[in-house]
Structures are given as structure tokens and as C-alpha cells.
């Protein structure tokens, strides 16, 4: 089945968002690609992080997935670990989680 997709940036370019929540069963990577402007301005991004979705649904490498997260997010919170990290340490935590097959329903990227 093919579904027509559109970049959200093209439709919501005159709006500002404090929070963006993305939980679309493995297609988070593709959604983030179509909303780079929105993500570049939002204060908080919550995104589902499930290794099997990244690999088997999106079909991308973890680093490609993580590259979609804008640099202005300096911290990330992993609810499953009940911890908040600086960006570089948090990205390492996500890499370890990915390697272990561990996921989280909503990683928070914030300032």
C-alpha cells in the first residue's frame, strides 16, 4: 500500500510549537525529516524510541535516526531510566539502549 505523504513544514510554517510529540509506530524518522523547521523552533520534543521500529519499520541506522534531532536540544530525559542527561551522554545512553534492544515510549529532548 502506498500513502501520499507531505512535509509538515510546508503546511505549518507560520505556526510555533512549544511541544512536539511523535509516536507513529516506527515512522518517527520520516516525520522528523519533514518537519526540520518546526523541530528547530520547538522547545521540547518527545519521540518514541523503539529499536525494532527504527530497524524494521524505518529501515535506518540509529545514527541516521538521531541525526534528525536538532542540535539545540541540549538535554534528554529517558523516563525508562528515570534520568536526565546532557546531550552527548544521553546519545551514548540511547546507543547502549539500542544495542540492548531497550526502548522507551517517549524520550524527551529539551533545553
N, C-alpha and C. Protein backbone atom coordinates (compact mmCIF):
# COMPACT_ATOMS: atom_id res chain seq x y z
N UNK A 1 0.84 -1.17 0.00
CA UNK A 1 0.00 0.00 0.00
C UNK A 1 0.89 1.24 0.00
N UNK A 2 0.56 2.19 -0.81
CA UNK A 2 1.27 3.46 -0.83
C UNK A 2 0.37 4.55 -0.25
N UNK A 3 0.98 5.42 0.51
CA UNK A 3 0.26 6.52 1.12
C UNK A 3 0.99 7.81 0.76
N UNK A 4 0.26 8.79 0.30
CA UNK A 4 0.86 10.09 -0.03
C UNK A 4 1.27 10.78 1.26
N UNK A 5 2.48 11.31 1.30
CA UNK A 5 2.98 11.99 2.48
C UNK A 5 3.36 13.42 2.11
N UNK A 6 3.21 14.31 3.06
CA UNK A 6 3.54 15.71 2.87
C UNK A 6 4.39 16.19 4.04
N UNK A 7 5.32 17.07 3.77
CA UNK A 7 6.15 17.64 4.83
C UNK A 7 5.31 18.62 5.65
N UNK A 8 5.32 18.44 6.97
CA UNK A 8 4.56 19.35 7.84
C UNK A 8 5.08 20.78 7.75
N UNK A 9 6.37 20.94 7.52
CA UNK A 9 6.93 22.29 7.39
C UNK A 9 6.20 23.10 6.32
N UNK A 10 5.75 22.45 5.27
CA UNK A 10 5.06 23.14 4.17
C UNK A 10 3.66 23.61 4.57
N UNK A 11 3.07 22.96 5.55
CA UNK A 11 1.70 23.28 5.95
C UNK A 11 1.61 24.09 7.23
N UNK A 12 2.63 24.01 8.05
CA UNK A 12 2.57 24.67 9.35
C UNK A 12 3.70 25.67 9.54
N UNK A 13 4.17 26.26 8.44
CA UNK A 13 5.32 27.15 8.51
C UNK A 13 5.06 28.46 9.24
N UNK A 14 3.81 28.82 9.43
CA UNK A 14 3.50 30.06 10.13
C UNK A 14 3.02 29.82 11.56
N UNK A 15 3.31 28.65 12.09
CA UNK A 15 2.92 28.31 13.46
C UNK A 15 4.16 28.05 14.31
N UNK A 16 4.03 28.27 15.60
CA UNK A 16 5.10 27.96 16.55
C UNK A 16 4.58 26.92 17.53
N UNK A 17 5.44 26.01 17.91
CA UNK A 17 5.05 24.93 18.81
C UNK A 17 6.03 24.85 19.97
N UNK A 18 5.50 24.79 21.19
CA UNK A 18 6.33 24.61 22.37
C UNK A 18 6.70 23.14 22.55
N UNK A 19 5.79 22.26 22.14
CA UNK A 19 5.97 20.82 22.34
C UNK A 19 5.57 20.08 21.07
N UNK A 20 6.41 19.14 20.67
CA UNK A 20 6.07 18.24 19.57
C UNK A 20 6.19 16.82 20.11
N UNK A 21 5.13 16.03 19.95
CA UNK A 21 5.10 14.63 20.37
C UNK A 21 4.94 13.78 19.11
N UNK A 22 5.89 12.85 18.92
CA UNK A 22 5.83 11.98 17.75
C UNK A 22 5.83 10.53 18.22
N UNK A 23 4.73 9.84 17.96
CA UNK A 23 4.59 8.42 18.29
C UNK A 23 3.76 7.80 17.17
N UNK A 24 4.44 7.38 16.11
CA UNK A 24 3.72 6.86 14.94
C UNK A 24 4.29 5.51 14.50
N UNK A 25 4.53 4.67 15.49
CA UNK A 25 4.84 3.26 15.26
C UNK A 25 5.95 3.00 14.25
N UNK A 26 7.08 3.68 14.44
CA UNK A 26 8.24 3.41 13.62
C UNK A 26 8.49 4.39 12.50
N UNK A 27 7.58 5.29 12.27
CA UNK A 27 7.77 6.27 11.20
C UNK A 27 8.23 7.63 11.73
N UNK A 28 8.69 7.67 12.96
CA UNK A 28 9.17 8.91 13.56
C UNK A 28 10.30 9.53 12.72
N UNK A 29 11.19 8.69 12.23
CA UNK A 29 12.31 9.17 11.41
C UNK A 29 11.80 9.98 10.22
N UNK A 30 10.83 9.44 9.52
CA UNK A 30 10.30 10.11 8.33
C UNK A 30 9.55 11.39 8.69
N UNK A 31 8.83 11.37 9.80
CA UNK A 31 8.13 12.57 10.25
C UNK A 31 9.13 13.68 10.57
N UNK A 32 10.21 13.33 11.28
CA UNK A 32 11.20 14.34 11.64
C UNK A 32 11.86 14.93 10.40
N UNK A 33 12.03 14.13 9.35
CA UNK A 33 12.62 14.64 8.11
C UNK A 33 11.74 15.72 7.47
N UNK A 34 10.45 15.61 7.66
CA UNK A 34 9.52 16.56 7.05
C UNK A 34 9.15 17.73 7.93
N UNK A 35 9.81 17.84 9.07
CA UNK A 35 9.48 18.94 9.97
C UNK A 35 10.72 19.56 10.60
N UNK A 36 11.78 19.67 9.83
CA UNK A 36 13.04 20.20 10.36
C UNK A 36 12.89 21.64 10.87
N UNK A 37 12.11 22.45 10.19
CA UNK A 37 11.90 23.83 10.63
C UNK A 37 11.11 23.87 11.94
N UNK A 38 10.07 23.08 12.01
CA UNK A 38 9.26 23.01 13.24
C UNK A 38 10.12 22.54 14.40
N UNK A 39 10.88 21.46 14.19
CA UNK A 39 11.72 20.93 15.26
C UNK A 39 12.81 21.91 15.67
N UNK A 40 13.28 22.70 14.72
CA UNK A 40 14.32 23.68 15.02
C UNK A 40 13.84 24.81 15.91
N UNK A 41 12.53 24.96 16.05
CA UNK A 41 11.96 26.04 16.84
C UNK A 41 11.26 25.58 18.11
N UNK A 42 10.92 24.30 18.19
CA UNK A 42 10.17 23.83 19.35
C UNK A 42 11.06 23.75 20.59
N UNK A 43 10.44 23.86 21.74
CA UNK A 43 11.18 23.83 23.00
C UNK A 43 11.40 22.41 23.50
N UNK A 44 10.45 21.52 23.22
CA UNK A 44 10.54 20.15 23.70
C UNK A 44 10.05 19.20 22.63
N UNK A 45 10.81 18.12 22.44
CA UNK A 45 10.44 17.07 21.51
C UNK A 45 10.33 15.77 22.29
N UNK A 46 9.20 15.10 22.14
CA UNK A 46 9.02 13.77 22.74
C UNK A 46 8.86 12.80 21.59
N UNK A 47 9.71 11.78 21.57
CA UNK A 47 9.67 10.84 20.46
C UNK A 47 9.80 9.40 20.97
N UNK A 48 8.95 8.55 20.43
CA UNK A 48 9.02 7.12 20.75
C UNK A 48 10.37 6.58 20.28
N UNK A 49 10.99 5.75 21.11
CA UNK A 49 12.30 5.18 20.79
C UNK A 49 12.24 3.67 20.98
N UNK A 50 12.00 2.97 19.90
CA UNK A 50 11.93 1.51 19.94
C UNK A 50 12.89 0.97 18.88
N UNK A 51 13.97 0.31 19.31
CA UNK A 51 14.98 -0.18 18.37
C UNK A 51 14.42 -1.01 17.22
N UNK A 52 13.47 -1.90 17.50
CA UNK A 52 12.95 -2.73 16.41
C UNK A 52 12.16 -1.90 15.40
N UNK A 53 11.55 -0.80 15.82
CA UNK A 53 10.86 0.09 14.88
C UNK A 53 11.86 0.85 14.01
N UNK A 54 12.92 1.32 14.63
CA UNK A 54 13.94 2.07 13.88
C UNK A 54 14.56 1.17 12.81
N UNK A 55 14.86 -0.06 13.19
CA UNK A 55 15.49 -1.01 12.27
C UNK A 55 14.52 -1.59 11.27
N UNK A 56 13.38 -2.09 11.74
CA UNK A 56 12.49 -2.87 10.88
C UNK A 56 11.38 -2.08 10.19
N UNK A 57 10.97 -0.97 10.75
CA UNK A 57 9.92 -0.16 10.12
C UNK A 57 10.56 0.97 9.31
N UNK A 58 11.39 1.78 9.98
CA UNK A 58 12.04 2.88 9.27
C UNK A 58 13.16 2.37 8.36
N UNK A 59 13.80 1.28 8.78
CA UNK A 59 14.88 0.72 7.98
C UNK A 59 16.11 1.60 7.93
N UNK A 60 16.39 2.30 9.04
CA UNK A 60 17.55 3.19 9.08
C UNK A 60 18.46 2.81 10.24
N UNK A 61 19.68 3.30 10.17
CA UNK A 61 20.64 3.10 11.25
C UNK A 61 20.31 4.06 12.39
N UNK A 62 20.72 3.69 13.59
CA UNK A 62 20.44 4.54 14.75
C UNK A 62 21.01 5.94 14.57
N UNK A 63 22.23 6.06 14.08
CA UNK A 63 22.83 7.38 13.91
C UNK A 63 22.04 8.25 12.93
N UNK A 64 21.44 7.64 11.92
CA UNK A 64 20.59 8.40 10.99
C UNK A 64 19.35 8.91 11.72
N UNK A 65 18.78 8.07 12.58
CA UNK A 65 17.61 8.46 13.38
C UNK A 65 17.98 9.63 14.30
N UNK A 66 19.09 9.48 15.03
CA UNK A 66 19.49 10.51 15.98
C UNK A 66 19.89 11.81 15.30
N UNK A 67 20.38 11.73 14.08
CA UNK A 67 20.77 12.93 13.33
C UNK A 67 19.58 13.84 13.03
N UNK A 68 18.38 13.31 13.12
CA UNK A 68 17.18 14.12 12.87
C UNK A 68 16.82 15.01 14.06
N UNK A 69 17.43 14.77 15.21
CA UNK A 69 17.15 15.56 16.42
C UNK A 69 18.01 16.82 16.38
N UNK A 70 17.40 18.00 16.31
CA UNK A 70 18.17 19.25 16.20
C UNK A 70 19.15 19.44 17.35
N UNK A 71 20.25 20.12 17.03
CA UNK A 71 21.34 20.34 17.98
C UNK A 71 20.95 21.24 19.16
N UNK A 72 19.91 22.06 19.02
CA UNK A 72 19.57 22.98 20.11
C UNK A 72 19.01 22.27 21.33
N UNK A 73 18.67 21.01 21.19
CA UNK A 73 18.25 20.24 22.37
C UNK A 73 19.51 19.81 23.10
N UNK A 74 19.76 20.40 24.25
CA UNK A 74 21.00 20.16 24.98
C UNK A 74 20.88 19.07 26.03
N UNK A 75 19.65 18.66 26.31
CA UNK A 75 19.41 17.62 27.32
C UNK A 75 18.41 16.62 26.78
N UNK A 76 18.45 15.43 27.37
CA UNK A 76 17.40 14.47 27.07
C UNK A 76 17.08 13.67 28.31
N UNK A 77 15.81 13.36 28.44
CA UNK A 77 15.31 12.59 29.58
C UNK A 77 14.81 11.26 29.06
N UNK A 78 15.25 10.20 29.74
CA UNK A 78 14.83 8.84 29.40
C UNK A 78 13.96 8.35 30.56
N UNK A 79 12.64 8.42 30.42
CA UNK A 79 11.76 8.02 31.51
C UNK A 79 12.00 6.58 31.99
N UNK A 80 12.30 5.67 31.08
CA UNK A 80 12.52 4.27 31.47
C UNK A 80 13.70 4.13 32.42
N UNK A 81 14.62 5.07 32.37
CA UNK A 81 15.78 5.05 33.25
C UNK A 81 15.64 6.08 34.38
N UNK A 82 14.54 6.83 34.36
CA UNK A 82 14.30 7.86 35.37
C UNK A 82 15.50 8.79 35.50
N UNK A 83 16.02 9.23 34.33
CA UNK A 83 17.24 10.04 34.35
C UNK A 83 17.23 11.08 33.22
N UNK A 84 17.90 12.19 33.51
CA UNK A 84 18.12 13.25 32.52
C UNK A 84 19.62 13.38 32.29
N UNK A 85 20.00 13.56 31.03
CA UNK A 85 21.41 13.59 30.64
C UNK A 85 21.69 14.82 29.79
N UNK A 86 22.95 15.27 29.82
CA UNK A 86 23.42 16.22 28.82
C UNK A 86 23.39 15.50 27.48
N UNK A 87 23.30 16.24 26.40
CA UNK A 87 23.08 15.66 25.08
C UNK A 87 24.07 14.55 24.73
N UNK A 88 25.36 14.80 24.84
CA UNK A 88 26.34 13.80 24.39
C UNK A 88 26.24 12.51 25.21
N UNK A 89 26.12 12.64 26.51
CA UNK A 89 25.98 11.45 27.35
C UNK A 89 24.66 10.75 27.06
N UNK A 90 23.60 11.52 26.87
CA UNK A 90 22.30 10.93 26.58
C UNK A 90 22.28 10.17 25.27
N UNK A 91 22.97 10.69 24.26
CA UNK A 91 23.04 9.98 22.98
C UNK A 91 23.78 8.66 23.16
N UNK A 92 24.81 8.65 24.01
CA UNK A 92 25.51 7.39 24.30
C UNK A 92 24.59 6.40 25.01
N UNK A 93 23.77 6.91 25.93
CA UNK A 93 22.79 6.06 26.62
C UNK A 93 21.82 5.46 25.60
N UNK A 94 21.35 6.26 24.66
CA UNK A 94 20.44 5.74 23.63
C UNK A 94 21.12 4.69 22.76
N UNK A 95 22.40 4.88 22.46
CA UNK A 95 23.13 3.87 21.68
C UNK A 95 23.22 2.55 22.44
N UNK A 96 23.48 2.63 23.75
CA UNK A 96 23.54 1.40 24.57
C UNK A 96 22.17 0.75 24.65
N UNK A 97 21.14 1.55 24.83
CA UNK A 97 19.78 1.01 24.87
C UNK A 97 19.45 0.32 23.55
N UNK A 98 19.79 0.96 22.45
CA UNK A 98 19.52 0.40 21.12
C UNK A 98 20.22 -0.95 20.97
N UNK A 99 21.49 -1.02 21.35
CA UNK A 99 22.26 -2.25 21.24
C UNK A 99 21.66 -3.37 22.09
N UNK A 100 21.05 -3.00 23.22
CA UNK A 100 20.45 -3.98 24.12
C UNK A 100 18.99 -4.27 23.77
N UNK A 101 18.47 -3.60 22.75
CA UNK A 101 17.07 -3.79 22.36
C UNK A 101 16.08 -3.14 23.31
N UNK A 102 16.55 -2.18 24.10
CA UNK A 102 15.70 -1.48 25.07
C UNK A 102 15.07 -0.25 24.43
N UNK A 103 13.82 -0.02 24.72
CA UNK A 103 13.13 1.14 24.16
C UNK A 103 12.49 1.99 25.24
N UNK A 104 11.85 3.04 24.79
CA UNK A 104 11.11 3.94 25.68
C UNK A 104 9.97 4.55 24.88
N UNK A 105 8.81 4.65 25.49
CA UNK A 105 7.65 5.20 24.79
C UNK A 105 7.75 6.69 24.51
N UNK A 106 8.67 7.38 25.18
CA UNK A 106 8.77 8.81 24.95
C UNK A 106 10.03 9.44 25.50
N UNK A 107 11.08 9.49 24.69
CA UNK A 107 12.30 10.19 25.07
C UNK A 107 12.02 11.69 24.94
N UNK A 108 12.40 12.46 25.95
CA UNK A 108 12.20 13.91 25.93
C UNK A 108 13.52 14.59 25.59
N UNK A 109 13.52 15.35 24.50
CA UNK A 109 14.66 16.19 24.14
C UNK A 109 14.26 17.62 24.49
N UNK A 110 15.12 18.30 25.25
CA UNK A 110 14.76 19.64 25.74
C UNK A 110 16.02 20.45 26.02
N UNK A 111 15.82 21.63 26.63
CA UNK A 111 16.94 22.55 26.94
C UNK A 111 17.33 22.39 28.39
